PDB file of N, CA and C in Angstrom:
ATOM      1  N   MET A   1      13.441  15.083  -3.024  1.00  0.00           N
ATOM      2  CA  MET A   1      13.225  15.103  -1.572  1.00  0.00           C
ATOM      3  C   MET A   1      11.714  15.195  -1.375  1.00  0.00           C
ATOM      4  N   LEU A   2      11.082  15.870  -2.040  1.00  0.00           N
ATOM      5  CA  LEU A   2       9.552  16.072  -1.847  1.00  0.00           C
ATOM      6  C   LEU A   2       8.860  14.718  -2.052  1.00  0.00           C
ATOM      7  N   TRP A   3       9.274  13.954  -2.981  1.00  0.00           N
ATOM      8  CA  TRP A   3       8.448  12.767  -3.064  1.00  0.00           C
ATOM      9  C   TRP A   3       8.708  11.769  -1.925  1.00  0.00           C
ATOM     10  N   ILE A   4       9.827  11.788  -1.114  1.00  0.00           N
ATOM     11  CA  ILE A   4      10.095  11.043   0.032  1.00  0.00           C
ATOM     12  C   ILE A   4       9.120  11.528   1.015  1.00  0.00           C
ATOM     13  N   ALA A   5       8.731  12.818   1.156  1.00  0.00           N
ATOM     14  CA  ALA A   5       7.978  13.428   2.084  1.00  0.00           C
ATOM     15  C   ALA A   5       6.531  12.907   1.700  1.00  0.00           C
ATOM     16  N   ILE A   6       6.165  12.972   0.584  1.00  0.00           N
ATOM     17  CA  ILE A   6       4.906  12.595   0.249  1.00  0.00           C
ATOM     18  C   ILE A   6       4.536  11.084   0.559  1.00  0.00           C
ATOM     19  N   VAL A   7       5.560  10.141   0.190  1.00  0.00           N
ATOM     20  CA  VAL A   7       5.348   8.949   0.622  1.00  0.00           C
ATOM     21  C   VAL A   7       5.234   8.593   2.040  1.00  0.00           C
ATOM     22  N   LEU A   8       5.977   9.372   2.871  1.00  0.00           N
ATOM     23  CA  LEU A   8       5.937   9.295   4.193  1.00  0.00           C
ATOM     24  C   LEU A   8       4.508   9.450   4.964  1.00  0.00           C
ATOM     25  N   VAL A   9       4.212  10.864   4.270  1.00  0.00           N
ATOM     26  CA  VAL A   9       2.744  11.362   4.651  1.00  0.00           C
ATOM     27  C   VAL A   9       1.770  10.122   4.329  1.00  0.00           C
ATOM     28  N   LEU A  10       1.769   9.786   3.133  1.00  0.00           N
ATOM     29  CA  LEU A  10       0.809   8.809   2.728  1.00  0.00           C
ATOM     30  C   LEU A  10       0.879   7.539   3.526  1.00  0.00           C
ATOM     31  N   LEU A  11       2.012   7.055   3.813  1.00  0.00           N
ATOM     32  CA  LEU A  11       2.183   5.882   4.642  1.00  0.00           C
ATOM     33  C   LEU A  11       1.708   6.075   6.031  1.00  0.00           C
ATOM     34  N   ALA A  12       1.881   7.427   6.697  1.00  0.00           N
ATOM     35  CA  ALA A  12       1.365   7.503   7.971  1.00  0.00           C
ATOM     36  C   ALA A  12      -0.131   7.557   7.969  1.00  0.00           C
ATOM     37  N   ILE A  13      -0.696   8.286   6.857  1.00  0.00           N
ATOM     38  CA  ILE A  13      -2.246   8.368   6.767  1.00  0.00           C
ATOM     39  C   ILE A  13      -2.663   6.760   6.739  1.00  0.00           C
ATOM     40  N   ASP A  14      -2.195   5.986   5.918  1.00  0.00           N
ATOM     41  CA  ASP A  14      -2.700   4.539   5.693  1.00  0.00           C
ATOM     42  C   ASP A  14      -2.432   3.907   6.965  1.00  0.00           C
ATOM     43  N   ARG A  15      -1.370   3.797   7.682  1.00  0.00           N
ATOM     44  CA  ARG A  15      -1.100   3.153   8.949  1.00  0.00           C
ATOM     45  C   ARG A  15      -2.112   3.700  10.030  1.00  0.00           C
ATOM     46  N   ASN A  16      -2.099   4.847  10.226  1.00  0.00           N
ATOM     47  CA  ASN A  16      -3.155   5.421  11.176  1.00  0.00           C
ATOM     48  C   ASN A  16      -4.560   5.214  11.055  1.00  0.00           C
ATOM     49  N   SER A  17      -5.020   5.208   9.667  1.00  0.00           N
ATOM     50  CA  SER A  17      -6.538   5.009   9.380  1.00  0.00           C
ATOM     51  C   SER A  17      -6.642   3.450   9.615  1.00  0.00           C
ATOM     52  N   LYS A  18      -5.844   2.574   9.394  1.00  0.00           N
ATOM     53  CA  LYS A  18      -5.971   1.190   9.518  1.00  0.00           C
ATOM     54  C   LYS A  18      -5.978   0.981  11.146  1.00  0.00           C
ATOM     55  N   TYR A  19      -5.171   1.561  11.980  1.00  0.00           N
ATOM     56  CA  TYR A  19      -5.114   1.460  13.435  1.00  0.00           C
ATOM     57  C   TYR A  19      -6.566   2.011  14.026  1.00  0.00           C
ATOM     58  N   ILE A  20      -7.077   2.953  13.628  1.00  0.00           N
ATOM     59  CA  ILE A  20      -8.225   3.550  13.925  1.00  0.00           C
ATOM     60  C   ILE A  20      -9.481   2.760  13.670  1.00  0.00           C
ATOM     61  N   ILE A  21      -9.422   2.011  12.503  1.00  0.00           N
ATOM     62  CA  ILE A  21     -10.528   1.036  12.176  1.00  0.00           C
ATOM     63  C   ILE A  21     -10.404  -0.176  12.999  1.00  0.00           C
ATOM     64  N   VAL A  22      -9.286  -0.707  13.102  1.00  0.00           N
ATOM     65  CA  VAL A  22      -9.164  -1.951  13.911  1.00  0.00           C
ATOM     66  C   VAL A  22      -9.518  -1.703  15.338  1.00  0.00           C
ATOM     67  N   THR A  23      -9.145  -0.542  15.925  1.00  0.00           N
ATOM     68  CA  THR A  23      -9.481  -0.424  17.381  1.00  0.00           C
ATOM     69  C   THR A  23     -10.925   0.186  17.581  1.00  0.00           C
ATOM     70  N   ASN A  24     -11.532   0.643  16.665  1.00  0.00           N
ATOM     71  CA  ASN A  24     -12.856   1.273  16.886  1.00  0.00           C
ATOM     72  C   ASN A  24     -14.061   0.504  16.199  1.00  0.00           C
ATOM     73  N   ILE A  25     -13.685  -0.364  15.210  1.00  0.00           N
ATOM     74  CA  ILE A  25     -14.786  -1.116  14.467  1.00  0.00           C
ATOM     75  C   ILE A  25     -14.769  -2.530  14.735  1.00  0.00           C
ATOM     76  N   GLU A  26     -15.748  -3.241  15.187  1.00  0.00           N
ATOM     77  CA  GLU A  26     -15.733  -4.751  15.560  1.00  0.00           C
ATOM     78  C   GLU A  26     -15.611  -5.282  14.137  1.00  0.00           C
ATOM     79  N   TYR A  27     -14.776  -6.441  14.255  1.00  0.00           N
ATOM     80  CA  TYR A  27     -14.581  -7.226  13.139  1.00  0.00           C
ATOM     81  C   TYR A  27     -15.723  -7.616  12.460  1.00  0.00           C
ATOM     82  N   GLY A  28     -15.887  -7.417  11.095  1.00  0.00           N
ATOM     83  CA  GLY A  28     -17.143  -7.721  10.387  1.00  0.00           C
ATOM     84  C   GLY A  28     -18.202  -6.665  10.202  1.00  0.00           C
ATOM     85  N   ASP A  29     -18.135  -5.629  11.198  1.00  0.00           N
ATOM     86  CA  ASP A  29     -19.138  -4.550  11.297  1.00  0.00           C
ATOM     87  C   ASP A  29     -18.951  -3.639  10.035  1.00  0.00           C
ATOM     88  N   ARG A  30     -20.014  -3.028   9.556  1.00  0.00           N
ATOM     89  CA  ARG A  30     -20.125  -2.083   8.669  1.00  0.00           C
ATOM     90  C   ARG A  30     -20.388  -0.807   9.136  1.00  0.00           C
ATOM     91  N   VAL A  31     -19.685   0.326   8.946  1.00  0.00           N
ATOM     92  CA  VAL A  31     -20.007   1.642   9.506  1.00  0.00           C
ATOM     93  C   VAL A  31     -20.308   2.544   8.263  1.00  0.00           C
ATOM     94  N   PRO A  32     -21.531   3.087   7.888  1.00  0.00           N
ATOM     95  CA  PRO A  32     -21.797   3.752   6.849  1.00  0.00           C
ATOM     96  C   PRO A  32     -21.078   5.232   6.938  1.00  0.00           C
ATOM     97  N   VAL A  33     -20.465   5.687   5.829  1.00  0.00           N
ATOM     98  CA  VAL A  33     -19.710   6.950   5.903  1.00  0.00           C
ATOM     99  C   VAL A  33     -20.483   7.906   4.842  1.00  0.00           C
ATOM    100  N   ILE A  34     -20.905   7.355   3.625  1.00  0.00           N
ATOM    101  CA  ILE A  34     -21.779   8.105   2.703  1.00  0.00           C
ATOM    102  C   ILE A  34     -22.977   7.352   2.498  1.00  0.00           C
ATOM    103  N   GLY A  35     -24.070   7.464   3.327  1.00  0.00           N
ATOM    104  CA  GLY A  35     -25.337   6.726   2.985  1.00  0.00           C
ATOM    105  C   GLY A  35     -25.071   5.250   2.869  1.00  0.00           C
ATOM    106  N   ASP A  36     -25.700   4.866   1.840  1.00  0.00           N
ATOM    107  CA  ASP A  36     -25.722   3.362   1.409  1.00  0.00           C
ATOM    108  C   ASP A  36     -24.642   3.265   0.294  1.00  0.00           C
ATOM    109  N   PHE A  37     -23.777   4.222   0.171  1.00  0.00           N
ATOM    110  CA  PHE A  37     -22.795   4.096  -0.900  1.00  0.00           C
ATOM    111  C   PHE A  37     -21.371   3.589  -0.595  1.00  0.00           C
ATOM    112  N   PHE A  38     -20.974   4.255   0.658  1.00  0.00           N
ATOM    113  CA  PHE A  38     -19.563   4.064   1.116  1.00  0.00           C
ATOM    114  C   PHE A  38     -19.539   3.521   2.640  1.00  0.00           C
ATOM    115  N   TYR A  39     -18.979   2.428   2.885  1.00  0.00           N
ATOM    116  CA  TYR A  39     -18.928   1.916   4.353  1.00  0.00           C
ATOM    117  C   TYR A  39     -17.354   1.628   4.688  1.00  0.00           C
ATOM    118  N   LEU A  40     -17.154   1.739   6.030  1.00  0.00           N
ATOM    119  CA  LEU A  40     -15.783   1.183   6.463  1.00  0.00           C
ATOM    120  C   LEU A  40     -16.182  -0.184   7.181  1.00  0.00           C
ATOM    121  N   THR A  41     -15.379  -1.050   6.868  1.00  0.00           N
ATOM    122  CA  THR A  41     -15.645  -2.401   7.243  1.00  0.00           C
ATOM    123  C   THR A  41     -14.304  -2.923   7.835  1.00  0.00           C
ATOM    124  N   ASN A  42     -14.241  -3.484   8.977  1.00  0.00           N
ATOM    125  CA  ASN A  42     -13.172  -4.269   9.617  1.00  0.00           C
ATOM    126  C   ASN A  42     -13.006  -5.749   9.255  1.00  0.00           C
ATOM    127  N   HIS A  43     -12.094  -6.119   8.359  1.00  0.00           N
ATOM    128  CA  HIS A  43     -11.873  -7.603   7.984  1.00  0.00           C
ATOM    129  C   HIS A  43     -10.399  -7.736   7.606  1.00  0.00           C
ATOM    130  N   ASP A  44     -10.194  -8.918   7.320  1.00  0.00           N
ATOM    131  CA  ASP A  44      -8.819  -9.409   6.966  1.00  0.00           C
ATOM    132  C   ASP A  44      -8.730  -9.549   5.482  1.00  0.00           C
ATOM    133  N   ASN A  45      -7.751  -9.210   4.749  1.00  0.00           N
ATOM    134  CA  ASN A  45      -7.316  -9.370   3.287  1.00  0.00           C
ATOM    135  C   ASN A  45      -6.152 -10.020   3.187  1.00  0.00           C
ATOM    136  N   TYR A  46      -6.009 -11.257   2.855  1.00  0.00           N
ATOM    137  CA  TYR A  46      -4.754 -11.996   2.573  1.00  0.00           C
ATOM    138  C   TYR A  46      -4.265 -11.931   1.254  1.00  0.00           C
ATOM    139  N   GLY A  47      -4.840 -11.282   0.379  1.00  0.00           N
ATOM    140  CA  GLY A  47      -4.427 -11.113  -1.161  1.00  0.00           C
ATOM    141  C   GLY A  47      -3.958  -9.778  -1.363  1.00  0.00           C
ATOM    142  N   ALA A  48      -4.099  -9.337  -2.739  1.00  0.00           N
ATOM    143  CA  ALA A  48      -3.632  -8.125  -3.217  1.00  0.00           C
ATOM    144  C   ALA A  48      -4.907  -7.193  -3.084  1.00  0.00           C
ATOM    145  N   ALA A  49      -5.072  -6.213  -3.936  1.00  0.00           N
ATOM    146  CA  ALA A  49      -6.249  -5.411  -4.093  1.00  0.00           C
ATOM    147  C   ALA A  49      -7.576  -6.183  -4.265  1.00  0.00           C
ATOM    148  N   TRP A  50      -8.431  -5.889  -3.338  1.00  0.00           N
ATOM    149  CA  TRP A  50      -9.788  -6.586  -3.201  1.00  0.00           C
ATOM    150  C   TRP A  50      -9.721  -8.038  -3.199  1.00  0.00           C
ATOM    151  N   GLY A  51      -8.606  -8.582  -2.573  1.00  0.00           N
ATOM    152  CA  GLY A  51      -8.505  -9.995  -2.282  1.00  0.00           C
ATOM    153  C   GLY A  51      -8.090 -10.684  -3.284  1.00  0.00           C
ATOM    154  N   MET A  52      -7.558 -10.224  -4.373  1.00  0.00           N
ATOM    155  CA  MET A  52      -7.041 -11.142  -5.439  1.00  0.00           C
ATOM    156  C   MET A  52      -5.819 -11.758  -5.089  1.00  0.00           C
ATOM    157  N   PHE A  53      -5.560 -12.941  -5.584  1.00  0.00           N
ATOM    158  CA  PHE A  53      -4.263 -13.872  -5.355  1.00  0.00           C
ATOM    159  C   PHE A  53      -4.225 -14.035  -3.887  1.00  0.00           C
ATOM    160  N   GLN A  54      -5.175 -14.622  -3.364  1.00  0.00           N
ATOM    161  CA  GLN A  54      -5.282 -14.931  -1.989  1.00  0.00           C
ATOM    162  C   GLN A  54      -4.174 -15.947  -1.620  1.00  0.00           C
ATOM    163  N   ASN A  55      -3.550 -15.626  -0.515  1.00  0.00           N
ATOM    164  CA  ASN A  55      -2.162 -16.505  -0.102  1.00  0.00           C
ATOM    165  C   ASN A  55      -1.256 -16.619  -1.215  1.00  0.00           C
ATOM    166  N   GLY A  56      -0.982 -15.436  -1.846  1.00  0.00           N
ATOM    167  CA  GLY A  56       0.052 -15.440  -2.895  1.00  0.00           C
ATOM    168  C   GLY A  56       1.293 -14.514  -2.355  1.00  0.00           C
ATOM    169  N   ARG A  57       1.645 -14.793  -1.069  1.00  0.00           N
ATOM    170  CA  ARG A  57       2.658 -14.075  -0.393  1.00  0.00           C
ATOM    171  C   ARG A  57       4.014 -14.112  -1.284  1.00  0.00           C
ATOM    172  N   TYR A  58       4.474 -15.341  -1.626  1.00  0.00           N
ATOM    173  CA  TYR A  58       5.647 -15.554  -2.323  1.00  0.00           C
ATOM    174  C   TYR A  58       5.643 -15.231  -3.570  1.00  0.00           C
ATOM    175  N   PHE A  59       4.651 -15.086  -4.215  1.00  0.00           N
ATOM    176  CA  PHE A  59       4.466 -14.473  -5.581  1.00  0.00           C
ATOM    177  C   PHE A  59       4.751 -12.955  -5.394  1.00  0.00           C
ATOM    178  N   PHE A  60       4.294 -12.262  -4.375  1.00  0.00           N
ATOM    179  CA  PHE A  60       4.544 -10.866  -4.442  1.00  0.00           C
ATOM    180  C   PHE A  60       5.772 -10.535  -3.972  1.00  0.00           C
ATOM    181  N   ILE A  61       6.497 -11.319  -3.102  1.00  0.00           N
ATOM    182  CA  ILE A  61       7.689 -11.124  -2.628  1.00  0.00           C
ATOM    183  C   ILE A  61       8.819 -11.135  -3.863  1.00  0.00           C
ATOM    184  N   ILE A  62       8.601 -12.335  -4.638  1.00  0.00           N
ATOM    185  CA  ILE A  62       9.449 -12.366  -5.763  1.00  0.00           C
ATOM    186  C   ILE A  62       9.415 -11.347  -6.739  1.00  0.00           C
ATOM    187  N   MET A  63       7.899 -11.012  -7.151  1.00  0.00           N
ATOM    188  CA  MET A  63       7.822  -9.823  -7.985  1.00  0.00           C
ATOM    189  C   MET A  63       8.406  -8.547  -7.511  1.00  0.00           C
ATOM    190  N   THR A  64       8.301  -8.385  -6.265  1.00  0.00           N
ATOM    191  CA  THR A  64       9.051  -7.104  -5.526  1.00  0.00           C
ATOM    192  C   THR A  64      10.466  -7.012  -5.792  1.00  0.00           C
ATOM    193  N   VAL A  65      10.965  -8.134  -5.602  1.00  0.00           N
ATOM    194  CA  VAL A  65      12.575  -8.262  -5.891  1.00  0.00           C
ATOM    195  C   VAL A  65      12.888  -8.047  -7.171  1.00  0.00           C
ATOM    196  N   ILE A  66      12.294  -8.763  -8.120  1.00  0.00           N
ATOM    197  CA  ILE A  66      12.557  -8.496  -9.526  1.00  0.00           C
ATOM    198  C   ILE A  66      12.303  -7.021 -10.062  1.00  0.00           C
ATOM    199  N   VAL A  67      11.200  -6.642  -9.851  1.00  0.00           N
ATOM    200  CA  VAL A  67      10.867  -5.196 -10.088  1.00  0.00           C
ATOM    201  C   VAL A  67      11.888  -4.092  -9.464  1.00  0.00           C
ATOM    202  N   ALA A  68      12.303  -4.343  -8.172  1.00  0.00           N
ATOM    203  CA  ALA A  68      13.424  -3.576  -7.513  1.00  0.00           C
ATOM    204  C   ALA A  68      14.678  -3.626  -8.338  1.00  0.00           C
ATOM    205  N   ILE A  69      15.078  -4.909  -8.746  1.00  0.00           N
ATOM    206  CA  ILE A  69      16.325  -5.064  -9.369  1.00  0.00           C
ATOM    207  C   ILE A  69      16.350  -4.334 -10.731  1.00  0.00           C
ATOM    208  N   ILE A  70      15.274  -4.478 -11.331  1.00  0.00           N
ATOM    209  CA  ILE A  70      14.954  -3.954 -12.712  1.00  0.00           C
ATOM    210  C   ILE A  70      15.295  -2.466 -12.601  1.00  0.00           C
ATOM    211  N   MET A  71      14.360  -1.729 -11.650  1.00  0.00           N
ATOM    212  CA  MET A  71      14.533  -0.500 -11.489  1.00  0.00           C
ATOM    213  C   MET A  71      15.934   0.129 -11.126  1.00  0.00           C
ATOM    214  N   ILE A  72      16.804  -0.541 -10.216  1.00  0.00           N
ATOM    215  CA  ILE A  72      18.018  -0.244 -10.038  1.00  0.00           C
ATOM    216  C   ILE A  72      18.995  -0.203 -11.014  1.00  0.00           C
ATOM    217  N   ILE A  73      18.783  -1.338 -11.889  1.00  0.00           N
ATOM    218  CA  ILE A  73      19.570  -1.389 -13.064  1.00  0.00           C
ATOM    219  C   ILE A  73      19.443  -0.318 -13.921  1.00  0.00           C
ATOM    220  N   TYR A  74      18.216   0.041 -14.151  1.00  0.00           N
ATOM    221  CA  TYR A  74      17.612   1.109 -15.252  1.00  0.00           C
ATOM    222  C   TYR A  74      18.230   2.531 -14.742  1.00  0.00           C
ATOM    223  N   MET A  75      17.971   2.623 -13.551  1.00  0.00           N
ATOM    224  CA  MET A  75      18.459   3.977 -12.861  1.00  0.00           C
ATOM    225  C   MET A  75      19.845   4.179 -12.798  1.00  0.00           C
ATOM    226  N   THR A  76      20.581   3.100 -12.884  1.00  0.00           N
ATOM    227  CA  THR A  76      22.087   3.250 -12.769  1.00  0.00           C
ATOM    228  C   THR A  76      22.761   3.294 -14.084  1.00  0.00           C
ATOM    229  N   LYS A  77      21.902   2.723 -15.193  1.00  0.00           N
ATOM    230  CA  LYS A  77      22.436   2.810 -16.565  1.00  0.00           C
ATOM    231  C   LYS A  77      21.967   4.101 -17.298  1.00  0.00           C
ATOM    232  N   THR A  78      21.020   4.789 -16.880  1.00  0.00           N
ATOM    233  CA  THR A  78      20.656   6.143 -17.492  1.00  0.00           C
ATOM    234  C   THR A  78      20.856   7.160 -16.447  1.00  0.00           C
ATOM    235  N   GLN A  79      20.628   8.415 -17.087  1.00  0.00           N
ATOM    236  CA  GLN A  79      20.836   9.555 -16.156  1.00  0.00           C
ATOM    237  C   GLN A  79      19.549   9.877 -15.234  1.00  0.00           C
ATOM    238  N   ASP A  80      18.513   9.149 -15.394  1.00  0.00           N
ATOM    239  CA  ASP A  80      17.338   9.332 -14.695  1.00  0.00           C
ATOM    240  C   ASP A  80      17.407   9.253 -13.183  1.00  0.00           C
ATOM    241  N   PHE A  81      18.454   8.457 -12.804  1.00  0.00           N
ATOM    242  CA  PHE A  81      18.797   8.128 -11.374  1.00  0.00           C
ATOM    243  C   PHE A  81      19.081   9.593 -10.659  1.00  0.00           C
ATOM    244  N   LEU A  82      19.466  10.639 -11.347  1.00  0.00           N
ATOM    245  CA  LEU A  82      19.713  11.828 -10.725  1.00  0.00           C
ATOM    246  C   LEU A  82      18.541  12.681 -10.389  1.00  0.00           C
ATOM    247  N   TYR A  83      17.244  12.251 -10.840  1.00  0.00           N
ATOM    248  CA  TYR A  83      15.989  12.818 -10.220  1.00  0.00           C
ATOM    249  C   TYR A  83      15.759  12.435  -8.787  1.00  0.00           C
ATOM    250  N   LEU A  84      16.382  11.521  -8.500  1.00  0.00           N
ATOM    251  CA  LEU A  84      16.216  11.045  -6.842  1.00  0.00           C
ATOM    252  C   LEU A  84      16.845  12.031  -5.924  1.00  0.00           C
ATOM    253  N   TYR A  85      17.817  12.763  -6.571  1.00  0.00           N
ATOM    254  CA  TYR A  85      18.682  13.582  -5.590  1.00  0.00           C
ATOM    255  C   TYR A  85      18.503  14.996  -5.704  1.00  0.00           C
ATOM    256  N   GLN A  86      17.402  15.535  -6.606  1.00  0.00           N
ATOM    257  CA  GLN A  86      17.321  16.877  -6.856  1.00  0.00           C
ATOM    258  C   GLN A  86      16.245  17.488  -5.867  1.00  0.00           C
TER     259      GLN A  86
END
């Protein structure tokens, strides 16, 4: 149950930080956070991490379904699925 709470908190932080950036930083602007080392920038990313696999939406959907099926099969065939309910 703890892992569900952690995931929900991280998801809320992620969504709120994105909302704050979109509503407060103009598109393309850079706001320095740590000198010349770390900036917040409002821009669109149509790929995965750092823009890899641009426009690879269907690839990620297919991979997500495959990985989810493998995880469900593994957890039902082993006793590890019990960790979800402890």
